[in-house]
Amino acid sequence: MLLEDYLKAVSDLTISDEERMKVEVKKLQTDISNMKSVEIELSEKDKEIQSMKQKYDEMSVTLQSILSVIWNVDQPAKNKIAKHLIMKGEYKQDSSRN
């Protein structure tokens, strides 16, 4: 226990700046290593965000296409599609419209 306390105080007890500089260099190297790790993680997150954005854009275009097709379908056909989706459990009828 005394040795640990002594080793902690060595840099303060040493007249030369060498020990303090060694400690500072080690701390800076650790900081640089941590920063590189964070940079890599951020890069991976950026790639993930770009991928999600691309998928969102593709889904948005697909949805617009579907809505355009549905808009041009006559009402009886829309009702038939809605009934089919409701029966399959893929769509729940809006209760506020009843």
C-alpha atoms as a PDB file:
ATOM      1  CA  MET A   1       0.000   0.000   0.000  1.00  0.00           C
ATOM      2  CA  LEU A   2       2.819   2.408   0.785  1.00  0.00           C
ATOM      3  CA  LEU A   3       4.444   1.595  -2.537  1.00  0.00           C
ATOM      4  CA  GLU A   4       1.246   2.467  -4.420  1.00  0.00           C
ATOM      5  CA  ASP A   5       0.989   5.790  -2.605  1.00  0.00           C
ATOM      6  CA  TYR A   6       4.661   6.498  -3.282  1.00  0.00           C
ATOM      7  CA  LEU A   7       4.283   5.682  -6.979  1.00  0.00           C
ATOM      8  CA  LYS A   8       1.323   8.031  -7.224  1.00  0.00           C
ATOM      9  CA  ALA A   9       3.392  10.825  -5.704  1.00  0.00           C
ATOM     10  CA  VAL A  10       6.621  10.195  -7.683  1.00  0.00           C
ATOM     11  CA  SER A  11       5.845  12.820 -10.320  1.00  0.00           C
ATOM     12  CA  ASP A  12       5.145  15.432  -7.632  1.00  0.00           C
ATOM     13  CA  LEU A  13       8.295  14.549  -5.686  1.00  0.00           C
ATOM     14  CA  THR A  14      10.589  14.479  -8.704  1.00  0.00           C
ATOM     15  CA  ILE A  15      12.508  17.660  -9.481  1.00  0.00           C
ATOM     16  CA  SER A  16      12.854  16.735 -13.138  1.00  0.00           C
ATOM     17  CA  ASP A  17       9.877  17.259 -15.423  1.00  0.00           C
ATOM     18  CA  GLU A  18      10.614  13.908 -17.083  1.00  0.00           C
ATOM     19  CA  GLU A  19       8.204  11.892 -14.936  1.00  0.00           C
ATOM     20  CA  ARG A  20       5.431  14.462 -15.323  1.00  0.00           C
ATOM     21  CA  MET A  21       6.019  14.506 -19.061  1.00  0.00           C
ATOM     22  CA  LYS A  22       5.866  10.691 -19.241  1.00  0.00           C
ATOM     23  CA  VAL A  23       2.542  10.719 -17.422  1.00  0.00           C
ATOM     24  CA  GLU A  24       1.247  13.488 -19.674  1.00  0.00           C
ATOM     25  CA  VAL A  25       2.392  11.643 -22.822  1.00  0.00           C
ATOM     26  CA  LYS A  26       0.685   8.456 -21.656  1.00  0.00           C
ATOM     27  CA  LYS A  27      -2.521  10.380 -20.925  1.00  0.00           C
ATOM     28  CA  LEU A  28      -2.417  12.054 -24.333  1.00  0.00           C
ATOM     29  CA  GLN A  29      -1.815   8.729 -26.073  1.00  0.00           C
ATOM     30  CA  THR A  30      -4.839   7.291 -24.288  1.00  0.00           C
ATOM     31  CA  ASP A  31      -6.903  10.328 -25.295  1.00  0.00           C
ATOM     32  CA  ILE A  32      -5.813   9.962 -28.930  1.00  0.00           C
ATOM     33  CA  SER A  33      -6.681   6.269 -28.897  1.00  0.00           C
ATOM     34  CA  ASN A  34     -10.128   7.054 -27.441  1.00  0.00           C
ATOM     35  CA  MET A  35     -10.692   9.763 -30.041  1.00  0.00           C
ATOM     36  CA  LYS A  36      -9.809   7.354 -32.851  1.00  0.00           C
ATOM     37  CA  SER A  37     -12.284   4.834 -31.469  1.00  0.00           C
ATOM     38  CA  VAL A  38     -14.994   7.492 -31.328  1.00  0.00           C
ATOM     39  CA  GLU A  39     -14.132   8.591 -34.873  1.00  0.00           C
ATOM     40  CA  ILE A  40     -14.518   5.017 -36.131  1.00  0.00           C
ATOM     41  CA  GLU A  41     -17.852   4.648 -34.321  1.00  0.00           C
ATOM     42  CA  LEU A  42     -19.103   7.940 -35.777  1.00  0.00           C
ATOM     43  CA  SER A  43     -18.077   6.858 -39.256  1.00  0.00           C
ATOM     44  CA  GLU A  44     -20.015   3.606 -38.848  1.00  0.00           C
ATOM     45  CA  LYS A  45     -23.056   5.517 -37.583  1.00  0.00           C
ATOM     46  CA  ASP A  46     -22.834   7.895 -40.559  1.00  0.00           C
ATOM     47  CA  LYS A  47     -22.862   4.915 -42.925  1.00  0.00           C
ATOM     48  CA  GLU A  48     -25.835   3.450 -41.069  1.00  0.00           C
ATOM     49  CA  ILE A  49     -27.708   6.765 -41.247  1.00  0.00           C
ATOM     50  CA  GLN A  50     -27.013   7.065 -44.977  1.00  0.00           C
ATOM     51  CA  SER A  51     -28.285   3.524 -45.541  1.00  0.00           C
ATOM     52  CA  MET A  52     -31.438   4.245 -43.534  1.00  0.00           C
ATOM     53  CA  LYS A  53     -31.975   7.511 -45.428  1.00  0.00           C
ATOM     54  CA  GLN A  54     -31.662   5.704 -48.748  1.00  0.00           C
ATOM     55  CA  LYS A  55     -34.181   3.054 -47.629  1.00  0.00           C
ATOM     56  CA  TYR A  56     -36.534   5.780 -46.409  1.00  0.00           C
ATOM     57  CA  ASP A  57     -36.297   7.589 -49.759  1.00  0.00           C
ATOM     58  CA  GLU A  58     -36.986   4.328 -51.626  1.00  0.00           C
ATOM     59  CA  MET A  59     -39.986   3.554 -49.396  1.00  0.00           C
ATOM     60  CA  SER A  60     -41.307   7.078 -49.872  1.00  0.00           C
ATOM     61  CA  VAL A  61     -41.172   6.725 -53.651  1.00  0.00           C
ATOM     62  CA  THR A  62     -42.878   3.319 -53.421  1.00  0.00           C
ATOM     63  CA  LEU A  63     -45.596   4.727 -51.170  1.00  0.00           C
ATOM     64  CA  GLN A  64     -46.230   7.611 -53.562  1.00  0.00           C
ATOM     65  CA  SER A  65     -46.551   5.116 -56.415  1.00  0.00           C
ATOM     66  CA  ILE A  66     -49.009   3.014 -54.427  1.00  0.00           C
ATOM     67  CA  LEU A  67     -51.057   6.077 -53.490  1.00  0.00           C
ATOM     68  CA  SER A  68     -51.155   7.182 -57.137  1.00  0.00           C
ATOM     69  CA  VAL A  69     -52.453   3.783 -58.204  1.00  0.00           C
ATOM     70  CA  ILE A  70     -55.049   3.690 -55.417  1.00  0.00           C
ATOM     71  CA  TRP A  71     -56.189   7.243 -56.221  1.00  0.00           C
ATOM     72  CA  ASN A  72     -57.028   6.159 -59.765  1.00  0.00           C
ATOM     73  CA  VAL A  73     -58.981   3.048 -58.711  1.00  0.00           C
ATOM     74  CA  ASP A  74     -62.785   3.317 -58.624  1.00  0.00           C
ATOM     75  CA  GLN A  75     -64.571   3.237 -55.241  1.00  0.00           C
ATOM     76  CA  PRO A  76     -65.982  -0.331 -55.482  1.00  0.00           C
ATOM     77  CA  ALA A  77     -62.480  -1.644 -56.195  1.00  0.00           C
ATOM     78  CA  LYS A  78     -61.103   0.375 -53.250  1.00  0.00           C
ATOM     79  CA  ASN A  79     -63.765  -1.164 -50.987  1.00  0.00           C
ATOM     80  CA  LYS A  80     -62.854  -4.654 -52.210  1.00  0.00           C
ATOM     81  CA  ILE A  81     -59.140  -4.046 -51.533  1.00  0.00           C
ATOM     82  CA  ALA A  82     -59.935  -2.640 -48.064  1.00  0.00           C
ATOM     83  CA  LYS A  83     -62.100  -5.664 -47.177  1.00  0.00           C
ATOM     84  CA  HIS A  84     -59.359  -8.017 -48.329  1.00  0.00           C
ATOM     85  CA  LEU A  85     -56.729  -6.222 -46.226  1.00  0.00           C
ATOM     86  CA  ILE A  86     -59.020  -6.137 -43.185  1.00  0.00           C
ATOM     87  CA  MET A  87     -59.774  -9.860 -43.485  1.00  0.00           C
ATOM     88  CA  LYS A  88     -56.052 -10.671 -43.666  1.00  0.00           C
ATOM     89  CA  GLY A  89     -55.444  -8.515 -40.573  1.00  0.00           C
ATOM     90  CA  GLU A  90     -53.086  -6.204 -42.462  1.00  0.00           C
ATOM     91  CA  TYR A  91     -55.315  -3.180 -42.002  1.00  0.00           C
ATOM     92  CA  LYS A  92     -57.562  -2.139 -39.154  1.00  0.00           C
ATOM     93  CA  GLN A  93     -60.538  -0.014 -40.083  1.00  0.00           C
ATOM     94  CA  ASP A  94     -60.477   3.493 -38.593  1.00  0.00           C
ATOM     95  CA  SER A  95     -63.138   3.435 -35.845  1.00  0.00           C
ATOM     96  CA  SER A  96     -63.589   7.219 -36.008  1.00  0.00           C
ATOM     97  CA  ARG A  97     -65.002   6.885 -39.548  1.00  0.00           C
ATOM     98  CA  ASN A  98     -67.891   4.596 -38.515  1.00  0.00           C
END
